[in-house]
């Protein structure tokens, strides 16, 4: 386990300050606001700590309301909406400086048998054959808005081994492509015997990193790294279908069905390396062309 992953686990280890109130620390993202995946993962940690151990996350629905301040802690208040025989529902509000910045609803379920089918895993090369971020990002440093972007990007993703199957948007700026993208990812180190919630929260953290890439690809835009798009996540939804481990390779297959009205929609499916569909993700974000 590298230092960045150890630091991320500390970031997700919230302080309980009342029965259903937690406090999490923040850190800067590549741009000067809190990374949305961090807030979503911390909110899910807060919700999960009020739920019995035999109930596992099966879905979350979230809205990003205001940019987070990386220089201030975030307080998470959990409402115990429902405790049923099979399902538990929690609502979490993240607050900074007296204002809500994020809202999460999460549902948890006891395990039970039932119908079972899935869409098959799409073709993808072996992750071990692909370039690492440390190998890929410096190749395109000349396309970035300033010399520090490459270092900030690598630092922000240092806890995760994330490998693009095809070139990322910033590498093919100016050339529209099919609005599809694939990445393999896993944590940069083994997690050992941690609880299933940790794996789910780490996957939630990573799920916000690349999902809107497919929107950029459709229009030949490089994204925030090249300065030809400004934007932010608006909402985020995930459905957890089957168990996963965040320290094993996961394929994130992503596409964009639509962009309009200054917004872009991304859809993703996360598969385990042996082909099981583990998670479905949908996100919409503001996507504005600078004037």
C-alpha atoms as a PDB file:
ATOM      1  CA  UNK A   1       0.000   0.000   0.000  1.00  0.00           C
ATOM      2  CA  UNK A   2       1.481   3.342  -1.011  1.00  0.00           C
ATOM      3  CA  UNK A   3       1.313   6.506   1.095  1.00  0.00           C
ATOM      4  CA  UNK A   4      -1.432   8.035  -1.071  1.00  0.00           C
ATOM      5  CA  UNK A   5      -3.743   5.058  -0.533  1.00  0.00           C
ATOM      6  CA  UNK A   6      -3.018   5.070   3.198  1.00  0.00           C
ATOM      7  CA  UNK A   7      -3.892   8.778   3.222  1.00  0.00           C
ATOM      8  CA  UNK A   8      -7.132   8.138   1.341  1.00  0.00           C
ATOM      9  CA  UNK A   9      -8.170   5.512   3.888  1.00  0.00           C
ATOM     10  CA  UNK A  10      -7.516   8.050   6.653  1.00  0.00           C
ATOM     11  CA  UNK A  11      -9.620  10.582   4.741  1.00  0.00           C
ATOM     12  CA  UNK A  12     -12.518   8.096   4.704  1.00  0.00           C
ATOM     13  CA  UNK A  13     -12.201   7.302   8.412  1.00  0.00           C
ATOM     14  CA  UNK A  14     -14.666   9.899   9.659  1.00  0.00           C
ATOM     15  CA  UNK A  15     -14.762  11.238  13.201  1.00  0.00           C
ATOM     16  CA  UNK A  16     -18.062  10.614  14.989  1.00  0.00           C
ATOM     17  CA  UNK A  17     -18.983  13.778  16.902  1.00  0.00           C
ATOM     18  CA  UNK A  18     -22.568  12.754  17.811  1.00  0.00           C
ATOM     19  CA  UNK A  19     -24.610   9.599  17.318  1.00  0.00           C
ATOM     20  CA  UNK A  20     -25.494  10.437  13.695  1.00  0.00           C
ATOM     21  CA  UNK A  21     -23.121  13.334  13.015  1.00  0.00           C
ATOM     22  CA  UNK A  22     -19.665  12.830  11.542  1.00  0.00           C
ATOM     23  CA  UNK A  23     -16.796  15.074  10.561  1.00  0.00           C
ATOM     24  CA  UNK A  24     -14.445  14.478   7.652  1.00  0.00           C
ATOM     25  CA  UNK A  25     -11.340  16.302   6.567  1.00  0.00           C
ATOM     26  CA  UNK A  26     -10.841  17.718   3.089  1.00  0.00           C
ATOM     27  CA  UNK A  27      -7.980  18.076   0.703  1.00  0.00           C
ATOM     28  CA  UNK A  28      -7.431  19.910  -2.551  1.00  0.00           C
ATOM     29  CA  UNK A  29      -8.319  18.273  -5.830  1.00  0.00           C
ATOM     30  CA  UNK A  30      -6.601  19.061  -9.108  1.00  0.00           C
ATOM     31  CA  UNK A  31      -8.746  22.168  -9.313  1.00  0.00           C
ATOM     32  CA  UNK A  32      -9.238  24.390  -6.216  1.00  0.00           C
ATOM     33  CA  UNK A  33     -12.315  22.678  -4.777  1.00  0.00           C
ATOM     34  CA  UNK A  34     -13.054  19.387  -3.027  1.00  0.00           C
ATOM     35  CA  UNK A  35     -13.160  16.412  -5.399  1.00  0.00           C
ATOM     36  CA  UNK A  36     -16.760  15.232  -5.753  1.00  0.00           C
ATOM     37  CA  UNK A  37     -15.820  11.580  -5.373  1.00  0.00           C
ATOM     38  CA  UNK A  38     -14.348  12.362  -1.959  1.00  0.00           C
ATOM     39  CA  UNK A  39     -17.584  13.930  -0.694  1.00  0.00           C
ATOM     40  CA  UNK A  40     -19.692  11.084  -2.092  1.00  0.00           C
ATOM     41  CA  UNK A  41     -17.460   8.432  -0.547  1.00  0.00           C
ATOM     42  CA  UNK A  42     -17.342  10.175   2.845  1.00  0.00           C
ATOM     43  CA  UNK A  43     -21.132  10.605   2.865  1.00  0.00           C
ATOM     44  CA  UNK A  44     -21.542   6.896   2.135  1.00  0.00           C
ATOM     45  CA  UNK A  45     -19.160   6.075   4.987  1.00  0.00           C
ATOM     46  CA  UNK A  46     -21.324   8.199   7.310  1.00  0.00           C
ATOM     47  CA  UNK A  47     -24.508   6.470   6.160  1.00  0.00           C
ATOM     48  CA  UNK A  48     -22.962   3.012   6.405  1.00  0.00           C
ATOM     49  CA  UNK A  49     -21.818   3.534   9.977  1.00  0.00           C
ATOM     50  CA  UNK A  50     -25.447   3.814  11.091  1.00  0.00           C
ATOM     51  CA  UNK A  51     -26.498   0.569   9.387  1.00  0.00           C
ATOM     52  CA  UNK A  52     -26.226  -3.027  10.723  1.00  0.00           C
ATOM     53  CA  UNK A  53     -23.236  -4.983   9.382  1.00  0.00           C
ATOM     54  CA  UNK A  54     -25.449  -7.542   7.615  1.00  0.00           C
ATOM     55  CA  UNK A  55     -26.893  -4.868   5.285  1.00  0.00           C
ATOM     56  CA  UNK A  56     -24.855  -3.874   2.278  1.00  0.00           C
ATOM     57  CA  UNK A  57     -25.080  -0.862  -0.025  1.00  0.00           C
ATOM     58  CA  UNK A  58     -27.263  -1.501  -3.046  1.00  0.00           C
ATOM     59  CA  UNK A  59     -27.815   2.044  -4.334  1.00  0.00           C
ATOM     60  CA  UNK A  60     -27.061   5.715  -3.829  1.00  0.00           C
ATOM     61  CA  UNK A  61     -28.434   8.903  -5.364  1.00  0.00           C
ATOM     62  CA  UNK A  62     -26.646  12.193  -4.799  1.00  0.00           C
ATOM     63  CA  UNK A  63     -26.672  15.869  -5.743  1.00  0.00           C
ATOM     64  CA  UNK A  64     -23.687  18.215  -5.695  1.00  0.00           C
ATOM     65  CA  UNK A  65     -25.070  21.538  -4.449  1.00  0.00           C
ATOM     66  CA  UNK A  66     -22.064  23.834  -3.915  1.00  0.00           C
ATOM     67  CA  UNK A  67     -18.295  23.603  -4.445  1.00  0.00           C
ATOM     68  CA  UNK A  68     -16.519  22.233  -1.402  1.00  0.00           C
ATOM     69  CA  UNK A  69     -13.799  24.231   0.363  1.00  0.00           C
ATOM     70  CA  UNK A  70     -10.657  22.053   0.599  1.00  0.00           C
ATOM     71  CA  UNK A  71      -9.399  24.149   3.511  1.00  0.00           C
ATOM     72  CA  UNK A  72     -12.280  23.303   5.859  1.00  0.00           C
ATOM     73  CA  UNK A  73     -13.704  20.101   7.377  1.00  0.00           C
ATOM     74  CA  UNK A  74     -17.071  18.763   6.219  1.00  0.00           C
ATOM     75  CA  UNK A  75     -19.827  17.808   8.671  1.00  0.00           C
ATOM     76  CA  UNK A  76     -22.102  14.924   7.668  1.00  0.00           C
ATOM     77  CA  UNK A  77     -25.521  14.625   9.302  1.00  0.00           C
ATOM     78  CA  UNK A  78     -27.327  11.306   8.863  1.00  0.00           C
ATOM     79  CA  UNK A  79     -31.117  10.934   8.974  1.00  0.00           C
ATOM     80  CA  UNK A  80     -32.389   7.419   9.686  1.00  0.00           C
ATOM     81  CA  UNK A  81     -35.223   7.453   7.169  1.00  0.00           C
ATOM     82  CA  UNK A  82     -36.232   3.782   7.379  1.00  0.00           C
ATOM     83  CA  UNK A  83     -35.201   0.522   8.998  1.00  0.00           C
ATOM     84  CA  UNK A  84     -37.258  -2.242   7.387  1.00  0.00           C
ATOM     85  CA  UNK A  85     -37.037  -6.008   7.524  1.00  0.00           C
ATOM     86  CA  UNK A  86     -34.891  -6.172   4.368  1.00  0.00           C
ATOM     87  CA  UNK A  87     -33.996  -2.594   3.464  1.00  0.00           C
ATOM     88  CA  UNK A  88     -32.490   0.342   5.331  1.00  0.00           C
ATOM     89  CA  UNK A  89     -32.562   3.908   3.983  1.00  0.00           C
ATOM     90  CA  UNK A  90     -30.360   6.797   5.043  1.00  0.00           C
ATOM     91  CA  UNK A  91     -30.200  10.449   4.020  1.00  0.00           C
ATOM     92  CA  UNK A  92     -26.973  12.405   4.462  1.00  0.00           C
ATOM     93  CA  UNK A  93     -26.384  16.148   4.186  1.00  0.00           C
ATOM     94  CA  UNK A  94     -22.813  17.436   3.942  1.00  0.00           C
ATOM     95  CA  UNK A  95     -22.322  20.942   5.370  1.00  0.00           C
ATOM     96  CA  UNK A  96     -19.496  23.470   5.193  1.00  0.00           C
ATOM     97  CA  UNK A  97     -19.568  27.025   6.531  1.00  0.00           C
ATOM     98  CA  UNK A  98     -23.209  26.582   7.546  1.00  0.00           C
ATOM     99  CA  UNK A  99     -24.414  25.637   4.054  1.00  0.00           C
ATOM    100  CA  UNK A 100     -25.231  22.259   2.495  1.00  0.00           C
ATOM    101  CA  UNK A 101     -22.787  21.352  -0.272  1.00  0.00           C
ATOM    102  CA  UNK A 102     -23.957  17.782  -0.993  1.00  0.00           C
ATOM    103  CA  UNK A 103     -26.986  15.560  -0.460  1.00  0.00           C
ATOM    104  CA  UNK A 104     -26.999  11.752  -0.518  1.00  0.00           C
ATOM    105  CA  UNK A 105     -29.710   9.124  -0.228  1.00  0.00           C
ATOM    106  CA  UNK A 106     -28.440   5.567   0.187  1.00  0.00           C
ATOM    107  CA  UNK A 107     -30.194   2.245   0.524  1.00  0.00           C
ATOM    108  CA  UNK A 108     -28.869  -0.937   2.116  1.00  0.00           C
ATOM    109  CA  UNK A 109     -30.219  -4.487   1.876  1.00  0.00           C
ATOM    110  CA  UNK A 110     -29.756  -7.835   3.557  1.00  0.00           C
ATOM    111  CA  UNK A 111     -28.543 -10.555   1.175  1.00  0.00           C
ATOM    112  CA  UNK A 112     -31.206 -12.717  -0.429  1.00  0.00           C
ATOM    113  CA  UNK A 113     -31.539 -15.115  -3.363  1.00  0.00           C
ATOM    114  CA  UNK A 114     -33.463 -14.134  -6.474  1.00  0.00           C
ATOM    115  CA  UNK A 115     -33.437 -13.776 -10.257  1.00  0.00           C
ATOM    116  CA  UNK A 116     -29.992 -13.308 -11.746  1.00  0.00           C
ATOM    117  CA  UNK A 117     -28.842 -12.064 -15.151  1.00  0.00           C
ATOM    118  CA  UNK A 118     -26.474  -9.393 -16.475  1.00  0.00           C
ATOM    119  CA  UNK A 119     -25.181  -7.725 -19.601  1.00  0.00           C
ATOM    120  CA  UNK A 120     -21.937  -9.431 -20.636  1.00  0.00           C
ATOM    121  CA  UNK A 121     -18.630  -7.729 -20.087  1.00  0.00           C
ATOM    122  CA  UNK A 122     -17.450  -5.902 -23.240  1.00  0.00           C
ATOM    123  CA  UNK A 123     -14.104  -6.756 -24.820  1.00  0.00           C
ATOM    124  CA  UNK A 124     -11.106  -5.043 -23.220  1.00  0.00           C
ATOM    125  CA  UNK A 125      -7.361  -5.686 -23.209  1.00  0.00           C
ATOM    126  CA  UNK A 126      -5.553  -7.042 -20.183  1.00  0.00           C
ATOM    127  CA  UNK A 127      -4.925  -4.128 -17.774  1.00  0.00           C
ATOM    128  CA  UNK A 128      -1.329  -5.210 -17.235  1.00  0.00           C
ATOM    129  CA  UNK A 129      -0.596  -4.427 -20.911  1.00  0.00           C
ATOM    130  CA  UNK A 130      -1.739  -0.784 -20.648  1.00  0.00           C
ATOM    131  CA  UNK A 131       0.255   2.316 -19.762  1.00  0.00           C
ATOM    132  CA  UNK A 132       0.126   3.524 -16.166  1.00  0.00           C
ATOM    133  CA  UNK A 133      -0.797   7.106 -15.362  1.00  0.00           C
ATOM    134  CA  UNK A 134       2.872   7.859 -14.622  1.00  0.00           C
ATOM    135  CA  UNK A 135       3.723   6.660 -18.134  1.00  0.00           C
ATOM    136  CA  UNK A 136       0.813   8.319 -19.963  1.00  0.00           C
ATOM    137  CA  UNK A 137       0.258  11.741 -18.400  1.00  0.00           C
ATOM    138  CA  UNK A 138       3.747  13.215 -19.066  1.00  0.00           C
ATOM    139  CA  UNK A 139       3.382  12.423 -22.780  1.00  0.00           C
ATOM    140  CA  UNK A 140       0.678  15.072 -23.100  1.00  0.00           C
ATOM    141  CA  UNK A 141       1.987  17.713 -20.685  1.00  0.00           C
ATOM    142  CA  UNK A 142       2.430  20.167 -23.569  1.00  0.00           C
ATOM    143  CA  UNK A 143      -1.350  20.183 -24.128  1.00  0.00           C
ATOM    144  CA  UNK A 144      -2.155  21.176 -20.534  1.00  0.00           C
ATOM    145  CA  UNK A 145      -3.001  24.707 -19.455  1.00  0.00           C
ATOM    146  CA  UNK A 146       0.124  25.045 -17.301  1.00  0.00           C
ATOM    147  CA  UNK A 147       3.194  23.073 -16.308  1.00  0.00           C
ATOM    148  CA  UNK A 148       1.744  22.058 -12.953  1.00  0.00           C
ATOM    149  CA  UNK A 149      -1.333  20.232 -14.288  1.00  0.00           C
ATOM    150  CA  UNK A 150       0.481  16.961 -14.942  1.00  0.00           C
ATOM    151  CA  UNK A 151       1.881  16.842 -11.404  1.00  0.00           C
ATOM    152  CA  UNK A 152      -1.472  17.763  -9.836  1.00  0.00           C
ATOM    153  CA  UNK A 153      -3.280  15.138 -11.901  1.00  0.00           C
ATOM    154  CA  UNK A 154      -0.852  12.397 -10.919  1.00  0.00           C
ATOM    155  CA  UNK A 155      -0.971  13.467  -7.271  1.00  0.00           C
ATOM    156  CA  UNK A 156      -4.789  13.453  -7.229  1.00  0.00           C
ATOM    157  CA  UNK A 157      -4.868   9.898  -8.590  1.00  0.00           C
ATOM    158  CA  UNK A 158      -1.864   8.509  -6.739  1.00  0.00           C
ATOM    159  CA  UNK A 159      -4.008   6.240  -4.530  1.00  0.00           C
ATOM    160  CA  UNK A 160      -5.409   4.514  -7.623  1.00  0.00           C
ATOM    161  CA  UNK A 161      -3.789   2.605 -10.469  1.00  0.00           C
ATOM    162  CA  UNK A 162      -5.980   3.896 -13.323  1.00  0.00           C
ATOM    163  CA  UNK A 163      -5.213   2.844 -16.906  1.00  0.00           C
ATOM    164  CA  UNK A 164      -6.994   4.055 -20.040  1.00  0.00           C
ATOM    165  CA  UNK A 165      -7.783   1.458 -22.697  1.00  0.00           C
ATOM    166  CA  UNK A 166      -7.764   4.194 -25.360  1.00  0.00           C
ATOM    167  CA  UNK A 167      -6.283   7.669 -25.231  1.00  0.00           C
ATOM    168  CA  UNK A 168      -7.953  10.098 -22.784  1.00  0.00           C
ATOM    169  CA  UNK A 169      -9.743  13.245 -24.024  1.00  0.00           C
ATOM    170  CA  UNK A 170      -6.774  15.538 -23.491  1.00  0.00           C
ATOM    171  CA  UNK A 171      -4.693  13.347 -25.831  1.00  0.00           C
ATOM    172  CA  UNK A 172      -7.030  13.669 -28.829  1.00  0.00           C
ATOM    173  CA  UNK A 173      -8.302  17.214 -28.397  1.00  0.00           C
ATOM    174  CA  UNK A 174      -9.773  18.599 -31.623  1.00  0.00           C
ATOM    175  CA  UNK A 175     -10.765  15.192 -33.011  1.00  0.00           C
ATOM    176  CA  UNK A 176     -14.301  14.030 -32.146  1.00  0.00           C
ATOM    177  CA  UNK A 177     -14.576  10.323 -31.388  1.00  0.00           C
ATOM    178  CA  UNK A 178     -17.268   7.844 -30.507  1.00  0.00           C
ATOM    179  CA  UNK A 179     -18.567   8.844 -27.052  1.00  0.00           C
ATOM    180  CA  UNK A 180     -17.181   5.761 -25.338  1.00  0.00           C
ATOM    181  CA  UNK A 181     -14.314   5.273 -22.929  1.00  0.00           C
ATOM    182  CA  UNK A 182     -12.869   2.409 -20.916  1.00  0.00           C
ATOM    183  CA  UNK A 183     -10.486   2.413 -17.978  1.00  0.00           C
ATOM    184  CA  UNK A 184      -9.217  -0.329 -15.712  1.00  0.00           C
ATOM    185  CA  UNK A 185      -8.646   0.655 -12.091  1.00  0.00           C
ATOM    186  CA  UNK A 186      -7.705  -0.707  -8.694  1.00  0.00           C
ATOM    187  CA  UNK A 187      -6.265   0.736  -5.515  1.00  0.00           C
ATOM    188  CA  UNK A 188      -2.488   1.180  -5.433  1.00  0.00           C
ATOM    189  CA  UNK A 189      -1.960  -1.625  -2.965  1.00  0.00           C
ATOM    190  CA  UNK A 190      -3.838  -4.445  -1.291  1.00  0.00           C
ATOM    191  CA  UNK A 191      -6.396  -3.566   1.369  1.00  0.00           C
ATOM    192  CA  UNK A 192      -6.246  -6.712   3.436  1.00  0.00           C
ATOM    193  CA  UNK A 193      -9.193  -7.705   5.616  1.00  0.00           C
ATOM    194  CA  UNK A 194     -11.272  -4.511   5.494  1.00  0.00           C
ATOM    195  CA  UNK A 195     -15.068  -4.451   5.583  1.00  0.00           C
ATOM    196  CA  UNK A 196     -17.131  -4.543   2.336  1.00  0.00           C
ATOM    197  CA  UNK A 197     -18.256  -0.937   2.881  1.00  0.00           C
ATOM    198  CA  UNK A 198     -14.668   0.263   2.426  1.00  0.00           C
ATOM    199  CA  UNK A 199     -14.467  -1.382  -1.000  1.00  0.00           C
ATOM    200  CA  UNK A 200     -17.796   0.156  -1.998  1.00  0.00           C
ATOM    201  CA  UNK A 201     -16.747   3.626  -0.786  1.00  0.00           C
ATOM    202  CA  UNK A 202     -13.411   3.450  -2.605  1.00  0.00           C
ATOM    203  CA  UNK A 203     -15.222   2.434  -5.796  1.00  0.00           C
ATOM    204  CA  UNK A 204     -17.575   5.376  -5.301  1.00  0.00           C
ATOM    205  CA  UNK A 205     -14.541   7.644  -4.945  1.00  0.00           C
ATOM    206  CA  UNK A 206     -13.035   6.468  -8.253  1.00  0.00           C
ATOM    207  CA  UNK A 207     -16.355   6.449 -10.114  1.00  0.00           C
ATOM    208  CA  UNK A 208     -16.332  10.271 -10.278  1.00  0.00           C
ATOM    209  CA  UNK A 209     -12.899  10.518 -11.921  1.00  0.00           C
ATOM    210  CA  UNK A 210     -13.566   9.664 -15.574  1.00  0.00           C
ATOM    211  CA  UNK A 211     -17.295   9.206 -16.178  1.00  0.00           C
ATOM    212  CA  UNK A 212     -17.790  12.415 -18.159  1.00  0.00           C
ATOM    213  CA  UNK A 213     -14.802  11.695 -20.430  1.00  0.00           C
ATOM    214  CA  UNK A 214     -17.158  10.189 -22.991  1.00  0.00           C
ATOM    215  CA  UNK A 215     -19.030  13.511 -23.274  1.00  0.00           C
ATOM    216  CA  UNK A 216     -15.756  15.271 -24.085  1.00  0.00           C
ATOM    217  CA  UNK A 217     -14.764  12.656 -26.653  1.00  0.00           C
ATOM    218  CA  UNK A 218     -17.954  13.185 -28.664  1.00  0.00           C
ATOM    219  CA  UNK A 219     -17.010  16.841 -29.223  1.00  0.00           C
ATOM    220  CA  UNK A 220     -13.231  16.620 -29.465  1.00  0.00           C
ATOM    221  CA  UNK A 221     -12.798  18.520 -26.202  1.00  0.00           C
ATOM    222  CA  UNK A 222      -9.800  17.990 -23.958  1.00  0.00           C
ATOM    223  CA  UNK A 223     -11.523  19.022 -20.733  1.00  0.00           C
ATOM    224  CA  UNK A 224     -10.388  21.082 -17.760  1.00  0.00           C
ATOM    225  CA  UNK A 225      -6.725  20.058 -18.282  1.00  0.00           C
ATOM    226  CA  UNK A 226      -6.630  21.872 -21.634  1.00  0.00           C
ATOM    227  CA  UNK A 227      -8.993  24.714 -20.711  1.00  0.00           C
ATOM    228  CA  UNK A 228     -11.547  24.128 -23.481  1.00  0.00           C
ATOM    229  CA  UNK A 229     -14.342  23.061 -21.091  1.00  0.00           C
ATOM    230  CA  UNK A 230     -15.399  24.208 -17.640  1.00  0.00           C
ATOM    231  CA  UNK A 231     -17.794  22.167 -15.587  1.00  0.00           C
ATOM    232  CA  UNK A 232     -18.737  20.314 -12.447  1.00  0.00           C
ATOM    233  CA  UNK A 233     -20.718  17.253 -11.417  1.00  0.00           C
ATOM    234  CA  UNK A 234     -24.414  17.872 -10.819  1.00  0.00           C
ATOM    235  CA  UNK A 235     -25.681  14.510  -9.658  1.00  0.00           C
ATOM    236  CA  UNK A 236     -24.445  10.954  -9.285  1.00  0.00           C
ATOM    237  CA  UNK A 237     -26.256   7.630  -8.974  1.00  0.00           C
ATOM    238  CA  UNK A 238     -24.890   4.128  -8.418  1.00  0.00           C
ATOM    239  CA  UNK A 239     -26.421   0.658  -8.151  1.00  0.00           C
ATOM    240  CA  UNK A 240     -24.290  -2.084  -6.596  1.00  0.00           C
ATOM    241  CA  UNK A 241     -25.304  -5.412  -8.089  1.00  0.00           C
ATOM    242  CA  UNK A 242     -22.626  -7.848  -6.938  1.00  0.00           C
ATOM    243  CA  UNK A 243     -19.684  -7.927  -4.506  1.00  0.00           C
ATOM    244  CA  UNK A 244     -16.381  -6.403  -5.561  1.00  0.00           C
ATOM    245  CA  UNK A 245     -12.951  -5.632  -4.219  1.00  0.00           C
ATOM    246  CA  UNK A 246     -11.493  -2.211  -4.962  1.00  0.00           C
ATOM    247  CA  UNK A 247      -7.965  -3.656  -4.786  1.00  0.00           C
ATOM    248  CA  UNK A 248      -8.638  -6.070  -7.669  1.00  0.00           C
ATOM    249  CA  UNK A 249      -8.814  -4.886 -11.278  1.00  0.00           C
ATOM    250  CA  UNK A 250     -12.199  -3.406 -12.244  1.00  0.00           C
ATOM    251  CA  UNK A 251     -13.200  -2.434 -15.789  1.00  0.00           C
ATOM    252  CA  UNK A 252     -15.111   0.864 -16.021  1.00  0.00           C
ATOM    253  CA  UNK A 253     -16.959   0.872 -19.349  1.00  0.00           C
ATOM    254  CA  UNK A 254     -18.420   4.343 -20.029  1.00  0.00           C
ATOM    255  CA  UNK A 255     -20.463   6.108 -22.692  1.00  0.00           C
ATOM    256  CA  UNK A 256     -22.476   9.291 -23.184  1.00  0.00           C
ATOM    257  CA  UNK A 257     -25.984   9.064 -24.684  1.00  0.00           C
ATOM    258  CA  UNK A 258     -26.626  12.817 -24.668  1.00  0.00           C
ATOM    259  CA  UNK A 259     -25.319  16.344 -24.156  1.00  0.00           C
ATOM    260  CA  UNK A 260     -27.571  19.421 -24.329  1.00  0.00           C
ATOM    261  CA  UNK A 261     -28.477  22.593 -22.465  1.00  0.00           C
ATOM    262  CA  UNK A 262     -24.971  23.027 -21.077  1.00  0.00           C
ATOM    263  CA  UNK A 263     -25.093  19.562 -19.497  1.00  0.00           C
ATOM    264  CA  UNK A 264     -23.612  16.195 -20.415  1.00  0.00           C
ATOM    265  CA  UNK A 265     -24.726  12.725 -19.317  1.00  0.00           C
ATOM    266  CA  UNK A 266     -22.400   9.806 -18.689  1.00  0.00           C
ATOM    267  CA  UNK A 267     -23.341   6.179 -18.056  1.00  0.00           C
ATOM    268  CA  UNK A 268     -20.951   3.524 -16.821  1.00  0.00           C
ATOM    269  CA  UNK A 269     -20.777  -0.149 -15.922  1.00  0.00           C
ATOM    270  CA  UNK A 270     -18.115  -1.538 -13.625  1.00  0.00           C
ATOM    271  CA  UNK A 271     -17.120  -5.185 -14.091  1.00  0.00           C
ATOM    272  CA  UNK A 272     -14.874  -7.421 -12.022  1.00  0.00           C
ATOM    273  CA  UNK A 273     -11.943  -8.907 -13.877  1.00  0.00           C
ATOM    274  CA  UNK A 274     -13.742 -12.253 -14.191  1.00  0.00           C
ATOM    275  CA  UNK A 275     -16.688 -10.594 -15.975  1.00  0.00           C
ATOM    276  CA  UNK A 276     -19.282 -10.001 -13.267  1.00  0.00           C
ATOM    277  CA  UNK A 277     -21.307  -6.771 -13.555  1.00  0.00           C
ATOM    278  CA  UNK A 278     -20.730  -5.198 -10.142  1.00  0.00           C
ATOM    279  CA  UNK A 279     -21.966  -1.583 -10.467  1.00  0.00           C
ATOM    280  CA  UNK A 280     -23.998   0.666 -12.754  1.00  0.00           C
ATOM    281  CA  UNK A 281     -23.253   4.412 -12.612  1.00  0.00           C
ATOM    282  CA  UNK A 282     -25.006   7.459 -14.095  1.00  0.00           C
ATOM    283  CA  UNK A 283     -23.843  11.051 -13.754  1.00  0.00           C
ATOM    284  CA  UNK A 284     -24.785  14.406 -15.236  1.00  0.00           C
ATOM    285  CA  UNK A 285     -22.480  17.386 -15.176  1.00  0.00           C
ATOM    286  CA  UNK A 286     -22.325  21.003 -16.272  1.00  0.00           C
ATOM    287  CA  UNK A 287     -20.266  21.177 -19.478  1.00  0.00           C
ATOM    288  CA  UNK A 288     -19.675  24.755 -20.659  1.00  0.00           C
ATOM    289  CA  UNK A 289     -17.468  25.994 -23.474  1.00  0.00           C
ATOM    290  CA  UNK A 290     -15.520  29.080 -22.292  1.00  0.00           C
ATOM    291  CA  UNK A 291     -16.350  32.288 -24.194  1.00  0.00           C
END
